[in-house]
Amino acid sequence: MRCPNCRSRMEKGSLQSSKDIIWTSKALGKDKADDVLVAEKKLFGRGAEAYYCENCGFIVMRTREKESIFK
């Protein structure tokens, strides 16, 4: 994958945490209704797949699974 920021090659890996990882535009402690769950806490597993650009420090990841075309 190429970095959308600098076009360098990105390394595949994963984001890992002992707690949920969320993205929010709100200050801490505010309404969390619009928060985006980036990665759920996992006791076992590889974490959330992500790509890292060593050149500029950019990280790219999907925030949810692709919807199946076989519903």
N, C-alpha and C. Protein backbone atom coordinates (compact mmCIF):
# COMPACT_ATOMS: atom_id res chain seq x y z
N MET A 1 0.85 -1.17 0.00
CA MET A 1 0.00 0.00 0.00
C MET A 1 0.90 1.24 0.00
N ARG A 2 0.47 2.26 -0.70
CA ARG A 2 1.19 3.54 -0.74
C ARG A 2 0.54 4.52 0.23
N CYS A 3 1.36 5.29 0.90
CA CYS A 3 0.90 6.29 1.86
C CYS A 3 0.12 7.39 1.13
N PRO A 4 -1.08 7.72 1.60
CA PRO A 4 -1.84 8.80 0.97
C PRO A 4 -1.24 10.18 1.24
N ASN A 5 -0.33 10.26 2.20
CA ASN A 5 0.29 11.53 2.55
C ASN A 5 1.55 11.82 1.74
N CYS A 6 2.47 10.82 1.63
CA CYS A 6 3.75 11.07 0.97
C CYS A 6 4.05 10.09 -0.16
N ARG A 7 3.17 9.12 -0.39
CA ARG A 7 3.28 8.13 -1.46
C ARG A 7 4.39 7.10 -1.25
N SER A 8 5.00 7.03 -0.07
CA SER A 8 5.99 5.99 0.23
C SER A 8 5.27 4.67 0.49
N ARG A 9 6.00 3.57 0.41
CA ARG A 9 5.43 2.26 0.70
C ARG A 9 5.15 2.15 2.19
N MET A 10 3.96 1.61 2.55
CA MET A 10 3.57 1.45 3.94
C MET A 10 3.75 0.00 4.38
N GLU A 11 4.04 -0.18 5.66
CA GLU A 11 4.22 -1.51 6.24
C GLU A 11 2.93 -1.97 6.90
N LYS A 12 2.51 -3.20 6.59
CA LYS A 12 1.30 -3.78 7.18
C LYS A 12 1.59 -4.23 8.60
N GLY A 13 0.67 -3.93 9.51
CA GLY A 13 0.80 -4.34 10.90
C GLY A 13 -0.55 -4.27 11.58
N SER A 14 -0.57 -3.95 12.87
CA SER A 14 -1.84 -3.84 13.58
C SER A 14 -1.72 -2.86 14.73
N LEU A 15 -2.86 -2.23 15.07
CA LEU A 15 -2.95 -1.42 16.28
C LEU A 15 -3.41 -2.34 17.39
N GLN A 16 -2.77 -2.25 18.53
CA GLN A 16 -3.12 -3.11 19.65
C GLN A 16 -3.24 -2.28 20.92
N SER A 17 -4.14 -2.72 21.80
CA SER A 17 -4.35 -2.02 23.06
C SER A 17 -5.05 -2.96 24.03
N SER A 18 -4.86 -2.71 25.32
CA SER A 18 -5.59 -3.49 26.32
C SER A 18 -6.97 -2.90 26.58
N LYS A 19 -7.26 -1.77 25.92
CA LYS A 19 -8.57 -1.12 26.04
C LYS A 19 -9.08 -0.80 24.64
N ASP A 20 -10.37 -0.47 24.51
CA ASP A 20 -10.93 -0.05 23.23
C ASP A 20 -10.19 1.19 22.74
N ILE A 21 -10.02 1.29 21.42
CA ILE A 21 -9.45 2.49 20.82
C ILE A 21 -10.59 3.18 20.09
N ILE A 22 -10.80 4.46 20.39
CA ILE A 22 -11.87 5.22 19.75
C ILE A 22 -11.31 6.48 19.13
N TRP A 23 -12.03 7.00 18.14
CA TRP A 23 -11.76 8.32 17.59
C TRP A 23 -12.92 9.20 18.00
N THR A 24 -12.62 10.41 18.46
CA THR A 24 -13.68 11.33 18.86
C THR A 24 -13.28 12.76 18.54
N SER A 25 -14.26 13.59 18.26
CA SER A 25 -14.00 15.00 18.06
C SER A 25 -14.37 15.80 19.31
N LYS A 26 -14.83 15.09 20.34
CA LYS A 26 -15.28 15.72 21.58
C LYS A 26 -14.15 15.76 22.60
N ALA A 27 -14.26 16.68 23.57
CA ALA A 27 -13.34 16.71 24.70
C ALA A 27 -13.60 15.49 25.58
N LEU A 28 -12.61 15.07 26.33
CA LEU A 28 -12.78 13.91 27.22
C LEU A 28 -13.95 14.13 28.16
N GLY A 29 -14.72 13.07 28.35
CA GLY A 29 -15.84 13.13 29.27
C GLY A 29 -17.13 13.68 28.68
N LYS A 30 -17.11 14.11 27.42
CA LYS A 30 -18.31 14.65 26.78
C LYS A 30 -19.13 13.52 26.17
N ASP A 31 -20.25 13.87 25.54
CA ASP A 31 -21.14 12.90 24.90
C ASP A 31 -20.37 12.02 23.91
N LYS A 32 -20.54 10.72 24.04
CA LYS A 32 -19.79 9.79 23.20
C LYS A 32 -20.65 9.16 22.10
N ALA A 33 -21.81 9.71 21.84
CA ALA A 33 -22.73 9.12 20.86
C ALA A 33 -22.14 9.08 19.45
N ASP A 34 -21.30 10.04 19.09
CA ASP A 34 -20.74 10.10 17.74
C ASP A 34 -19.32 9.53 17.64
N ASP A 35 -18.83 8.92 18.72
CA ASP A 35 -17.49 8.32 18.70
C ASP A 35 -17.44 7.18 17.68
N VAL A 36 -16.28 6.96 17.10
CA VAL A 36 -16.06 5.86 16.17
C VAL A 36 -15.17 4.83 16.85
N LEU A 37 -15.66 3.61 16.98
CA LEU A 37 -14.86 2.53 17.54
C LEU A 37 -13.83 2.11 16.51
N VAL A 38 -12.56 2.29 16.81
CA VAL A 38 -11.49 1.95 15.89
C VAL A 38 -11.08 0.50 16.09
N ALA A 39 -10.91 0.07 17.32
CA ALA A 39 -10.52 -1.30 17.61
C ALA A 39 -11.06 -1.69 18.98
N GLU A 40 -11.70 -2.85 19.04
CA GLU A 40 -12.22 -3.35 20.30
C GLU A 40 -11.11 -3.98 21.12
N LYS A 41 -11.26 -3.91 22.44
CA LYS A 41 -10.34 -4.57 23.34
C LYS A 41 -10.34 -6.06 23.00
N LYS A 42 -9.18 -6.63 22.87
CA LYS A 42 -9.09 -8.05 22.54
C LYS A 42 -8.14 -8.73 23.53
N LEU A 43 -8.64 -9.76 24.18
CA LEU A 43 -7.77 -10.54 25.07
C LEU A 43 -6.87 -11.43 24.24
N PHE A 44 -7.41 -11.96 23.15
CA PHE A 44 -6.64 -12.80 22.25
C PHE A 44 -6.87 -12.28 20.84
N GLY A 45 -5.89 -12.32 19.99
CA GLY A 45 -6.06 -11.87 18.62
C GLY A 45 -4.94 -10.94 18.20
N ARG A 46 -5.04 -10.42 16.98
CA ARG A 46 -3.96 -9.63 16.42
C ARG A 46 -4.19 -8.14 16.50
N GLY A 47 -5.31 -7.69 16.99
CA GLY A 47 -5.60 -6.25 17.01
C GLY A 47 -6.26 -5.83 15.71
N ALA A 48 -6.23 -4.56 15.42
CA ALA A 48 -6.86 -4.00 14.23
C ALA A 48 -5.81 -3.79 13.15
N GLU A 49 -6.04 -4.38 11.97
CA GLU A 49 -5.09 -4.25 10.87
C GLU A 49 -4.89 -2.78 10.50
N ALA A 50 -3.63 -2.40 10.32
CA ALA A 50 -3.29 -1.01 9.99
C ALA A 50 -2.00 -0.99 9.17
N TYR A 51 -1.78 0.11 8.48
CA TYR A 51 -0.56 0.30 7.69
C TYR A 51 0.16 1.53 8.22
N TYR A 52 1.49 1.43 8.34
CA TYR A 52 2.30 2.50 8.91
C TYR A 52 3.34 2.98 7.90
N CYS A 53 3.47 4.28 7.76
CA CYS A 53 4.48 4.88 6.88
C CYS A 53 5.65 5.35 7.74
N GLU A 54 6.77 4.68 7.60
CA GLU A 54 7.96 5.06 8.37
C GLU A 54 8.48 6.44 7.94
N ASN A 55 8.25 6.79 6.69
CA ASN A 55 8.74 8.07 6.16
C ASN A 55 8.10 9.28 6.83
N CYS A 56 6.76 9.27 6.98
CA CYS A 56 6.09 10.46 7.52
C CYS A 56 5.27 10.19 8.80
N GLY A 57 5.20 8.92 9.23
CA GLY A 57 4.49 8.60 10.47
C GLY A 57 2.99 8.45 10.33
N PHE A 58 2.48 8.42 9.12
CA PHE A 58 1.04 8.30 8.86
C PHE A 58 0.59 6.87 9.12
N ILE A 59 -0.58 6.68 9.72
CA ILE A 59 -1.18 5.36 9.92
C ILE A 59 -2.53 5.34 9.20
N VAL A 60 -2.80 4.26 8.46
CA VAL A 60 -4.06 4.10 7.74
C VAL A 60 -4.70 2.79 8.20
N MET A 61 -6.01 2.85 8.47
CA MET A 61 -6.74 1.62 8.85
C MET A 61 -8.22 1.77 8.56
N ARG A 62 -8.89 0.65 8.44
CA ARG A 62 -10.34 0.62 8.26
C ARG A 62 -10.97 0.61 9.65
N THR A 63 -12.03 1.38 9.86
CA THR A 63 -12.68 1.43 11.17
C THR A 63 -13.77 0.39 11.35
N ARG A 64 -14.16 -0.28 10.28
CA ARG A 64 -15.15 -1.36 10.39
C ARG A 64 -14.94 -2.33 9.24
N GLU A 65 -15.45 -3.54 9.40
CA GLU A 65 -15.31 -4.56 8.37
C GLU A 65 -16.10 -4.18 7.13
N LYS A 66 -15.63 -4.62 5.98
CA LYS A 66 -16.40 -4.42 4.74
C LYS A 66 -17.71 -5.18 4.87
N GLU A 67 -18.75 -4.62 4.32
CA GLU A 67 -20.04 -5.32 4.33
C GLU A 67 -19.97 -6.44 3.30
N SER A 68 -20.49 -7.58 3.69
CA SER A 68 -20.48 -8.73 2.80
C SER A 68 -21.48 -8.53 1.65
N ILE A 69 -21.10 -8.97 0.45
CA ILE A 69 -22.04 -8.92 -0.66
C ILE A 69 -22.96 -10.13 -0.63
N PHE A 70 -22.73 -11.06 0.32
CA PHE A 70 -23.53 -12.29 0.42
C PHE A 70 -24.48 -12.24 1.58
N LYS A 71 -25.25 -11.17 1.72
CA LYS A 71 -26.21 -11.03 2.83
C LYS A 71 -27.41 -11.90 2.63
